[in-house]
Amino acid sequence: MVGESYAQELESKWMQLKDDERRRIEVHFIGGTQTNKVRKIAHIVEVWQSVDRPSLVNEIAKRAPSSPVMIQINLTGIKNQSGCRISEAGDIVSNARAQGLNVVGAMGIGPQGDTETIRAAYRSLVSFAENHGLAHRSIGMTDDLEIAIESGSTMVRIGTALFGERPLR
């Protein structure tokens, strides 16, 4: 499984692969998704990890029916960060299911701060996932993966540990 955060980069990287390489890769889209980008990458993405609003549910259901999706929850409380509020997430799960999408999990990016703050945020996402019958919890990145695993993560995103810091865009 590989994850990508930027639609244009995913599209470019995908075009560089041979057909047999493409068949062996499961691509998760983990970045903030603009609805107009869904059309361009729908044929590449296996799992959409950053579904956070009804308009995105609608577009994925239209362009990639029955796709596996994960609901991205904003665990930081910062308004300009991706993800819906946890209080809105249940409605997004219901909407996605009603439109035939396969809601397989919840995803979140942890807050900055002390271990207990991060742990509490991750546990709130895990609790949400359990309450909605979602098997996967995509929480934790390179810097906090131990806390995430301890809190119940089933997927961690460790690109920085593997590839180093991403160049500034």
N, C-alpha and C. Protein backbone atom coordinates (compact mmCIF):
# COMPACT_ATOMS: atom_id res chain seq x y z
N MET A 1 0.84 -1.16 0.00
CA MET A 1 0.00 0.00 0.00
C MET A 1 0.90 1.23 0.00
N VAL A 2 0.53 2.20 -0.81
CA VAL A 2 1.21 3.49 -0.81
C VAL A 2 0.17 4.58 -0.66
N GLY A 3 0.59 5.67 -0.08
CA GLY A 3 -0.30 6.82 0.08
C GLY A 3 0.28 8.02 -0.62
N GLU A 4 -0.61 8.86 -1.11
CA GLU A 4 -0.19 10.11 -1.75
C GLU A 4 -1.13 11.20 -1.29
N SER A 5 -0.55 12.40 -1.12
CA SER A 5 -1.31 13.54 -0.61
C SER A 5 -1.71 14.54 -1.67
N TYR A 6 -1.10 14.47 -2.84
CA TYR A 6 -1.35 15.48 -3.87
C TYR A 6 -1.77 14.81 -5.17
N ALA A 7 -2.93 15.22 -5.69
CA ALA A 7 -3.50 14.59 -6.89
C ALA A 7 -2.56 14.69 -8.08
N GLN A 8 -1.97 15.84 -8.33
CA GLN A 8 -1.10 16.00 -9.49
C GLN A 8 0.14 15.11 -9.38
N GLU A 9 0.71 15.01 -8.20
CA GLU A 9 1.87 14.13 -8.01
C GLU A 9 1.48 12.68 -8.20
N LEU A 10 0.33 12.29 -7.70
CA LEU A 10 -0.12 10.92 -7.87
C LEU A 10 -0.28 10.60 -9.36
N GLU A 11 -0.92 11.48 -10.07
CA GLU A 11 -1.14 11.27 -11.49
C GLU A 11 0.20 11.14 -12.24
N SER A 12 1.14 12.00 -11.92
CA SER A 12 2.45 11.98 -12.57
C SER A 12 3.22 10.69 -12.25
N LYS A 13 3.24 10.32 -10.99
CA LYS A 13 3.94 9.10 -10.58
C LYS A 13 3.30 7.86 -11.20
N TRP A 14 1.98 7.84 -11.28
CA TRP A 14 1.25 6.71 -11.83
C TRP A 14 1.61 6.49 -13.30
N MET A 15 1.75 7.59 -14.03
CA MET A 15 2.07 7.49 -15.45
C MET A 15 3.47 6.94 -15.68
N GLN A 16 4.33 7.04 -14.70
CA GLN A 16 5.71 6.54 -14.83
C GLN A 16 5.81 5.03 -14.57
N LEU A 17 4.77 4.43 -14.02
CA LEU A 17 4.79 3.01 -13.70
C LEU A 17 4.39 2.16 -14.90
N LYS A 18 4.91 0.95 -14.92
CA LYS A 18 4.51 -0.03 -15.92
C LYS A 18 3.20 -0.67 -15.47
N ASP A 19 2.47 -1.26 -16.40
CA ASP A 19 1.17 -1.87 -16.08
C ASP A 19 1.27 -2.91 -14.96
N ASP A 20 2.30 -3.76 -15.00
CA ASP A 20 2.42 -4.79 -13.97
C ASP A 20 2.72 -4.17 -12.60
N GLU A 21 3.43 -3.05 -12.57
CA GLU A 21 3.69 -2.34 -11.31
C GLU A 21 2.39 -1.74 -10.78
N ARG A 22 1.58 -1.19 -11.65
CA ARG A 22 0.31 -0.59 -11.24
C ARG A 22 -0.61 -1.63 -10.61
N ARG A 23 -0.61 -2.83 -11.16
CA ARG A 23 -1.49 -3.88 -10.65
C ARG A 23 -1.08 -4.34 -9.25
N ARG A 24 0.16 -4.15 -8.87
CA ARG A 24 0.65 -4.62 -7.57
C ARG A 24 0.52 -3.58 -6.46
N ILE A 25 0.12 -2.38 -6.80
CA ILE A 25 0.08 -1.29 -5.82
C ILE A 25 -1.36 -0.97 -5.44
N GLU A 26 -1.60 -0.86 -4.14
CA GLU A 26 -2.87 -0.35 -3.65
C GLU A 26 -2.64 1.10 -3.23
N VAL A 27 -3.30 2.02 -3.89
CA VAL A 27 -3.08 3.44 -3.65
C VAL A 27 -4.17 3.99 -2.73
N HIS A 28 -3.72 4.62 -1.66
CA HIS A 28 -4.61 5.35 -0.75
C HIS A 28 -4.37 6.84 -0.97
N PHE A 29 -5.44 7.58 -1.20
CA PHE A 29 -5.29 9.03 -1.30
C PHE A 29 -5.50 9.58 0.10
N ILE A 30 -4.47 10.26 0.62
CA ILE A 30 -4.49 10.69 2.02
C ILE A 30 -4.49 12.20 2.19
N GLY A 31 -4.53 12.93 1.10
CA GLY A 31 -4.48 14.39 1.19
C GLY A 31 -5.86 15.01 1.13
N GLY A 32 -5.91 16.28 1.45
CA GLY A 32 -7.14 17.04 1.29
C GLY A 32 -7.55 16.98 -0.18
N THR A 33 -8.78 16.63 -0.43
CA THR A 33 -9.22 16.38 -1.80
C THR A 33 -10.18 17.45 -2.27
N GLN A 34 -9.84 18.07 -3.38
CA GLN A 34 -10.76 18.98 -4.03
C GLN A 34 -11.67 18.14 -4.92
N THR A 35 -12.94 18.46 -4.94
CA THR A 35 -13.87 17.65 -5.72
C THR A 35 -13.50 17.61 -7.20
N ASN A 36 -12.93 18.68 -7.73
CA ASN A 36 -12.57 18.69 -9.16
C ASN A 36 -11.38 17.78 -9.46
N LYS A 37 -10.64 17.34 -8.48
CA LYS A 37 -9.50 16.43 -8.68
C LYS A 37 -9.93 14.96 -8.67
N VAL A 38 -11.09 14.66 -8.11
CA VAL A 38 -11.54 13.27 -8.01
C VAL A 38 -11.59 12.63 -9.39
N ARG A 39 -12.14 13.34 -10.35
CA ARG A 39 -12.27 12.82 -11.71
C ARG A 39 -10.93 12.40 -12.28
N LYS A 40 -9.88 13.15 -11.99
CA LYS A 40 -8.56 12.88 -12.56
C LYS A 40 -7.87 11.65 -11.96
N ILE A 41 -8.18 11.34 -10.72
CA ILE A 41 -7.45 10.25 -10.06
C ILE A 41 -8.33 9.07 -9.65
N ALA A 42 -9.61 9.13 -9.98
CA ALA A 42 -10.54 8.06 -9.56
C ALA A 42 -10.11 6.69 -10.08
N HIS A 43 -9.51 6.63 -11.23
CA HIS A 43 -9.09 5.34 -11.79
C HIS A 43 -7.83 4.78 -11.12
N ILE A 44 -7.17 5.60 -10.29
CA ILE A 44 -5.94 5.19 -9.62
C ILE A 44 -6.18 4.80 -8.16
N VAL A 45 -7.04 5.54 -7.49
CA VAL A 45 -7.20 5.42 -6.04
C VAL A 45 -8.03 4.19 -5.67
N GLU A 46 -7.51 3.42 -4.74
CA GLU A 46 -8.22 2.26 -4.17
C GLU A 46 -9.04 2.67 -2.95
N VAL A 47 -8.42 3.49 -2.07
CA VAL A 47 -9.08 3.92 -0.83
C VAL A 47 -8.90 5.43 -0.70
N TRP A 48 -10.00 6.10 -0.46
CA TRP A 48 -9.99 7.55 -0.23
C TRP A 48 -9.99 7.78 1.28
N GLN A 49 -8.85 8.20 1.84
CA GLN A 49 -8.74 8.34 3.30
C GLN A 49 -9.15 9.70 3.83
N SER A 50 -9.41 10.65 2.98
CA SER A 50 -9.61 12.02 3.48
C SER A 50 -10.99 12.58 3.13
N VAL A 51 -12.02 11.77 3.29
CA VAL A 51 -13.38 12.20 3.00
C VAL A 51 -13.91 12.97 4.21
N ASP A 52 -14.22 14.24 3.98
CA ASP A 52 -14.57 15.09 5.13
C ASP A 52 -15.78 16.00 4.93
N ARG A 53 -16.52 15.81 3.81
CA ARG A 53 -17.67 16.68 3.57
C ARG A 53 -18.61 16.03 2.55
N PRO A 54 -19.88 16.41 2.61
CA PRO A 54 -20.87 15.81 1.71
C PRO A 54 -20.55 15.98 0.23
N SER A 55 -20.04 17.12 -0.19
CA SER A 55 -19.75 17.33 -1.62
C SER A 55 -18.69 16.34 -2.11
N LEU A 56 -17.75 15.99 -1.27
CA LEU A 56 -16.73 15.01 -1.65
C LEU A 56 -17.33 13.60 -1.71
N VAL A 57 -18.19 13.28 -0.78
CA VAL A 57 -18.91 12.00 -0.83
C VAL A 57 -19.65 11.90 -2.16
N ASN A 58 -20.36 12.95 -2.54
CA ASN A 58 -21.14 12.95 -3.77
C ASN A 58 -20.25 12.71 -4.99
N GLU A 59 -19.12 13.39 -5.04
CA GLU A 59 -18.23 13.28 -6.20
C GLU A 59 -17.58 11.90 -6.29
N ILE A 60 -17.15 11.36 -5.18
CA ILE A 60 -16.55 10.02 -5.20
C ILE A 60 -17.61 8.99 -5.59
N ALA A 61 -18.81 9.11 -5.05
CA ALA A 61 -19.89 8.19 -5.40
C ALA A 61 -20.20 8.25 -6.90
N LYS A 62 -20.09 9.42 -7.47
CA LYS A 62 -20.35 9.60 -8.91
C LYS A 62 -19.21 9.04 -9.76
N ARG A 63 -17.97 9.32 -9.39
CA ARG A 63 -16.80 8.98 -10.21
C ARG A 63 -16.20 7.61 -9.91
N ALA A 64 -16.40 7.13 -8.68
CA ALA A 64 -15.81 5.86 -8.27
C ALA A 64 -16.79 5.10 -7.38
N PRO A 65 -17.94 4.68 -7.96
CA PRO A 65 -18.99 4.03 -7.16
C PRO A 65 -18.46 2.85 -6.35
N SER A 66 -18.99 2.71 -5.17
CA SER A 66 -18.71 1.63 -4.22
C SER A 66 -17.27 1.63 -3.69
N SER A 67 -16.56 2.71 -3.89
CA SER A 67 -15.18 2.80 -3.40
C SER A 67 -15.09 2.72 -1.89
N PRO A 68 -14.00 2.13 -1.38
CA PRO A 68 -13.73 2.20 0.05
C PRO A 68 -13.30 3.63 0.42
N VAL A 69 -13.87 4.15 1.49
CA VAL A 69 -13.53 5.50 1.95
C VAL A 69 -13.31 5.48 3.46
N MET A 70 -12.57 6.48 3.90
CA MET A 70 -12.37 6.70 5.33
C MET A 70 -12.76 8.14 5.61
N ILE A 71 -13.40 8.36 6.73
CA ILE A 71 -13.85 9.70 7.10
C ILE A 71 -12.72 10.39 7.85
N GLN A 72 -12.30 11.55 7.34
CA GLN A 72 -11.23 12.29 8.00
C GLN A 72 -11.83 13.23 9.04
N ILE A 73 -11.36 13.06 10.26
CA ILE A 73 -11.83 13.86 11.39
C ILE A 73 -10.73 14.82 11.81
N ASN A 74 -11.09 16.06 11.97
CA ASN A 74 -10.13 17.08 12.43
C ASN A 74 -9.95 16.90 13.93
N LEU A 75 -8.79 16.39 14.32
CA LEU A 75 -8.50 16.13 15.73
C LEU A 75 -7.85 17.30 16.44
N THR A 76 -7.53 18.35 15.70
CA THR A 76 -6.81 19.48 16.30
C THR A 76 -7.73 20.61 16.74
N GLY A 77 -8.91 20.69 16.13
CA GLY A 77 -9.80 21.80 16.42
C GLY A 77 -9.42 23.07 15.67
N ILE A 78 -8.37 23.01 14.87
CA ILE A 78 -7.95 24.17 14.08
C ILE A 78 -8.81 24.21 12.83
N LYS A 79 -9.48 25.34 12.60
CA LYS A 79 -10.48 25.44 11.54
C LYS A 79 -9.93 25.27 10.14
N ASN A 80 -8.72 25.70 9.86
CA ASN A 80 -8.22 25.63 8.48
C ASN A 80 -7.55 24.29 8.16
N GLN A 81 -7.56 23.34 9.09
CA GLN A 81 -7.02 22.02 8.80
C GLN A 81 -8.12 21.11 8.27
N SER A 82 -7.72 20.16 7.44
CA SER A 82 -8.68 19.25 6.83
C SER A 82 -9.35 18.38 7.88
N GLY A 83 -10.50 17.88 7.49
CA GLY A 83 -11.25 17.00 8.37
C GLY A 83 -12.51 17.67 8.88
N CYS A 84 -13.50 16.85 9.11
CA CYS A 84 -14.75 17.36 9.68
C CYS A 84 -14.66 17.30 11.20
N ARG A 85 -15.58 17.99 11.84
CA ARG A 85 -15.67 17.87 13.30
C ARG A 85 -16.22 16.49 13.62
N ILE A 86 -15.82 15.96 14.73
CA ILE A 86 -16.27 14.63 15.12
C ILE A 86 -17.80 14.59 15.24
N SER A 87 -18.40 15.72 15.60
CA SER A 87 -19.86 15.79 15.72
C SER A 87 -20.56 15.70 14.36
N GLU A 88 -19.86 15.97 13.28
CA GLU A 88 -20.41 15.88 11.92
C GLU A 88 -20.11 14.54 11.25
N ALA A 89 -19.15 13.83 11.77
CA ALA A 89 -18.64 12.63 11.09
C ALA A 89 -19.68 11.53 10.94
N GLY A 90 -20.54 11.36 11.91
CA GLY A 90 -21.56 10.31 11.82
C GLY A 90 -22.50 10.54 10.64
N ASP A 91 -22.87 11.80 10.41
CA ASP A 91 -23.73 12.12 9.27
C ASP A 91 -23.02 11.85 7.95
N ILE A 92 -21.73 12.09 7.90
CA ILE A 92 -20.97 11.83 6.68
C ILE A 92 -20.88 10.32 6.43
N VAL A 93 -20.69 9.54 7.50
CA VAL A 93 -20.70 8.08 7.37
C VAL A 93 -22.03 7.63 6.79
N SER A 94 -23.13 8.12 7.35
CA SER A 94 -24.47 7.73 6.88
C SER A 94 -24.68 8.12 5.42
N ASN A 95 -24.29 9.32 5.06
CA ASN A 95 -24.43 9.81 3.69
C ASN A 95 -23.62 8.96 2.72
N ALA A 96 -22.38 8.66 3.08
CA ALA A 96 -21.52 7.85 2.21
C ALA A 96 -22.11 6.46 2.02
N ARG A 97 -22.57 5.86 3.09
CA ARG A 97 -23.18 4.52 2.99
C ARG A 97 -24.45 4.57 2.13
N ALA A 98 -25.26 5.61 2.31
CA ALA A 98 -26.49 5.74 1.53
C ALA A 98 -26.20 5.87 0.04
N GLN A 99 -25.05 6.41 -0.29
CA GLN A 99 -24.68 6.58 -1.70
C GLN A 99 -23.88 5.39 -2.24
N GLY A 100 -23.77 4.34 -1.44
CA GLY A 100 -23.15 3.11 -1.91
C GLY A 100 -21.65 3.03 -1.71
N LEU A 101 -21.07 3.99 -1.02
CA LEU A 101 -19.64 3.91 -0.73
C LEU A 101 -19.41 2.95 0.43
N ASN A 102 -18.26 2.34 0.45
CA ASN A 102 -17.90 1.37 1.48
C ASN A 102 -17.06 2.09 2.54
N VAL A 103 -17.68 2.51 3.62
CA VAL A 103 -16.97 3.24 4.67
C VAL A 103 -16.21 2.22 5.51
N VAL A 104 -14.88 2.25 5.38
CA VAL A 104 -14.04 1.23 6.03
C VAL A 104 -13.30 1.73 7.25
N GLY A 105 -13.27 3.06 7.46
CA GLY A 105 -12.51 3.54 8.60
C GLY A 105 -12.60 5.03 8.79
N ALA A 106 -11.80 5.48 9.76
CA ALA A 106 -11.68 6.89 10.08
C ALA A 106 -10.20 7.26 10.06
N MET A 107 -9.92 8.48 9.69
CA MET A 107 -8.54 8.97 9.58
C MET A 107 -8.43 10.30 10.29
N GLY A 108 -7.29 10.55 10.90
CA GLY A 108 -7.05 11.84 11.54
C GLY A 108 -5.57 12.12 11.69
N ILE A 109 -5.27 13.40 11.73
CA ILE A 109 -3.91 13.86 11.98
C ILE A 109 -3.89 14.42 13.39
N GLY A 110 -2.96 13.93 14.18
CA GLY A 110 -2.92 14.30 15.59
C GLY A 110 -2.52 15.74 15.83
N PRO A 111 -2.93 16.25 16.97
CA PRO A 111 -2.53 17.60 17.35
C PRO A 111 -1.06 17.63 17.78
N GLN A 112 -0.50 18.80 17.78
CA GLN A 112 0.83 19.00 18.35
C GLN A 112 0.66 19.10 19.86
N GLY A 113 1.70 18.78 20.58
CA GLY A 113 1.61 18.95 22.02
C GLY A 113 2.14 17.75 22.77
N ASP A 114 1.70 17.67 24.01
CA ASP A 114 2.20 16.62 24.88
C ASP A 114 1.53 15.29 24.55
N THR A 115 2.12 14.24 25.04
CA THR A 115 1.68 12.87 24.77
C THR A 115 0.21 12.66 25.13
N GLU A 116 -0.21 13.17 26.27
CA GLU A 116 -1.59 12.96 26.71
C GLU A 116 -2.60 13.64 25.80
N THR A 117 -2.26 14.81 25.28
CA THR A 117 -3.15 15.51 24.34
C THR A 117 -3.30 14.71 23.06
N ILE A 118 -2.20 14.20 22.55
CA ILE A 118 -2.22 13.38 21.34
C ILE A 118 -3.00 12.10 21.59
N ARG A 119 -2.71 11.44 22.70
CA ARG A 119 -3.37 10.18 23.04
C ARG A 119 -4.89 10.38 23.15
N ALA A 120 -5.32 11.45 23.79
CA ALA A 120 -6.76 11.71 23.95
C ALA A 120 -7.43 11.92 22.59
N ALA A 121 -6.76 12.64 21.70
CA ALA A 121 -7.31 12.87 20.37
C ALA A 121 -7.44 11.55 19.61
N TYR A 122 -6.40 10.73 19.66
CA TYR A 122 -6.43 9.46 18.95
C TYR A 122 -7.49 8.53 19.53
N ARG A 123 -7.63 8.54 20.81
CA ARG A 123 -8.64 7.67 21.43
C ARG A 123 -10.05 8.11 21.06
N SER A 124 -10.26 9.41 20.87
CA SER A 124 -11.59 9.87 20.45
C SER A 124 -11.90 9.36 19.05
N LEU A 125 -10.92 9.32 18.16
CA LEU A 125 -11.14 8.78 16.81
C LEU A 125 -11.39 7.28 16.87
N VAL A 126 -10.63 6.56 17.67
CA VAL A 126 -10.81 5.12 17.81
C VAL A 126 -12.21 4.82 18.35
N SER A 127 -12.65 5.58 19.32
CA SER A 127 -13.99 5.40 19.89
C SER A 127 -15.06 5.65 18.82
N PHE A 128 -14.88 6.70 18.04
CA PHE A 128 -15.81 6.99 16.94
C PHE A 128 -15.86 5.80 15.98
N ALA A 129 -14.71 5.30 15.59
CA ALA A 129 -14.64 4.18 14.65
C ALA A 129 -15.36 2.95 15.22
N GLU A 130 -15.11 2.65 16.48
CA GLU A 130 -15.77 1.50 17.11
C GLU A 130 -17.28 1.68 17.14
N ASN A 131 -17.74 2.89 17.48
CA ASN A 131 -19.17 3.16 17.58
C ASN A 131 -19.88 3.08 16.22
N HIS A 132 -19.13 3.22 15.13
CA HIS A 132 -19.72 3.19 13.80
C HIS A 132 -19.34 1.94 13.01
N GLY A 133 -18.76 0.96 13.69
CA GLY A 133 -18.42 -0.30 13.05
C GLY A 133 -17.35 -0.18 11.97
N LEU A 134 -16.39 0.71 12.18
CA LEU A 134 -15.33 0.94 11.20
C LEU A 134 -14.06 0.21 11.63
N ALA A 135 -13.57 -0.66 10.79
CA ALA A 135 -12.44 -1.52 11.14
C ALA A 135 -11.11 -0.79 11.16
N HIS A 136 -10.94 0.22 10.32
CA HIS A 136 -9.63 0.85 10.18
C HIS A 136 -9.57 2.22 10.84
N ARG A 137 -8.41 2.49 11.43
CA ARG A 137 -8.13 3.78 12.08
C ARG A 137 -6.78 4.23 11.58
N SER A 138 -6.77 5.17 10.66
CA SER A 138 -5.53 5.68 10.09
C SER A 138 -5.11 6.90 10.90
N ILE A 139 -4.34 6.63 11.94
CA ILE A 139 -3.83 7.70 12.80
C ILE A 139 -2.36 7.42 13.07
N GLY A 140 -1.64 8.49 13.22
CA GLY A 140 -0.22 8.38 13.52
C GLY A 140 0.64 8.59 12.30
N MET A 141 1.69 9.34 12.53
CA MET A 141 2.69 9.58 11.49
C MET A 141 4.05 9.31 12.11
N THR A 142 5.08 9.61 11.38
CA THR A 142 6.44 9.28 11.81
C THR A 142 6.72 9.71 13.25
N ASP A 143 6.35 10.92 13.62
CA ASP A 143 6.72 11.46 14.93
C ASP A 143 5.89 10.93 16.10
N ASP A 144 4.71 10.37 15.84
CA ASP A 144 3.88 9.93 16.96
C ASP A 144 3.30 8.53 16.76
N LEU A 145 3.97 7.72 15.95
CA LEU A 145 3.40 6.42 15.63
C LEU A 145 3.27 5.50 16.83
N GLU A 146 4.16 5.60 17.81
CA GLU A 146 4.03 4.74 19.00
C GLU A 146 2.76 5.04 19.77
N ILE A 147 2.46 6.33 19.93
CA ILE A 147 1.23 6.73 20.64
C ILE A 147 0.01 6.25 19.85
N ALA A 148 0.08 6.38 18.53
CA ALA A 148 -1.04 5.98 17.68
C ALA A 148 -1.30 4.47 17.79
N ILE A 149 -0.26 3.68 17.72
CA ILE A 149 -0.42 2.23 17.81
C ILE A 149 -0.98 1.84 19.17
N GLU A 150 -0.43 2.44 20.21
CA GLU A 150 -0.93 2.18 21.55
C GLU A 150 -2.41 2.57 21.69
N SER A 151 -2.83 3.60 20.97
CA SER A 151 -4.20 4.11 21.06
C SER A 151 -5.18 3.32 20.22
N GLY A 152 -4.69 2.46 19.30
CA GLY A 152 -5.59 1.65 18.51
C GLY A 152 -5.51 1.85 17.01
N SER A 153 -4.45 2.48 16.53
CA SER A 153 -4.29 2.68 15.09
C SER A 153 -4.13 1.34 14.38
N THR A 154 -4.72 1.23 13.19
CA THR A 154 -4.51 0.06 12.35
C THR A 154 -3.66 0.42 11.13
N MET A 155 -3.42 1.71 10.92
CA MET A 155 -2.58 2.20 9.81
C MET A 155 -1.81 3.41 10.32
N VAL A 156 -0.53 3.46 9.99
CA VAL A 156 0.26 4.65 10.29
C VAL A 156 0.87 5.16 8.99
N ARG A 157 1.07 6.45 8.92
CA ARG A 157 1.63 7.08 7.72
C ARG A 157 3.05 7.51 8.05
N ILE A 158 4.03 6.81 7.49
CA ILE A 158 5.43 7.02 7.88
C ILE A 158 6.32 7.43 6.71
N GLY A 159 5.78 8.20 5.79
CA GLY A 159 6.55 8.64 4.63
C GLY A 159 7.80 9.40 5.00
N THR A 160 7.74 10.26 5.98
CA THR A 160 8.91 11.04 6.38
C THR A 160 10.04 10.14 6.85
N ALA A 161 9.70 9.09 7.62
CA ALA A 161 10.73 8.16 8.09
C ALA A 161 11.37 7.41 6.92
N LEU A 162 10.58 7.11 5.91
CA LEU A 162 11.09 6.35 4.77
C LEU A 162 11.80 7.22 3.73
N PHE A 163 11.24 8.40 3.46
CA PHE A 163 11.72 9.20 2.34
C PHE A 163 12.31 10.55 2.73
N GLY A 164 12.23 10.92 4.00
CA GLY A 164 12.71 12.22 4.44
C GLY A 164 11.63 13.28 4.29
N GLU A 165 11.98 14.48 4.67
CA GLU A 165 11.02 15.59 4.61
C GLU A 165 10.64 15.85 3.15
N ARG A 166 9.39 16.16 2.97
CA ARG A 166 8.88 16.51 1.64
C ARG A 166 9.33 17.94 1.33
N PRO A 167 9.78 18.19 0.10
CA PRO A 167 10.17 19.55 -0.25
C PRO A 167 8.98 20.51 -0.12
N LEU A 168 9.26 21.74 0.25
CA LEU A 168 8.20 22.74 0.35
C LEU A 168 7.59 22.97 -1.02
N ARG A 169 6.29 23.17 -1.02
CA ARG A 169 5.58 23.40 -2.29
C ARG A 169 5.36 24.85 -2.51
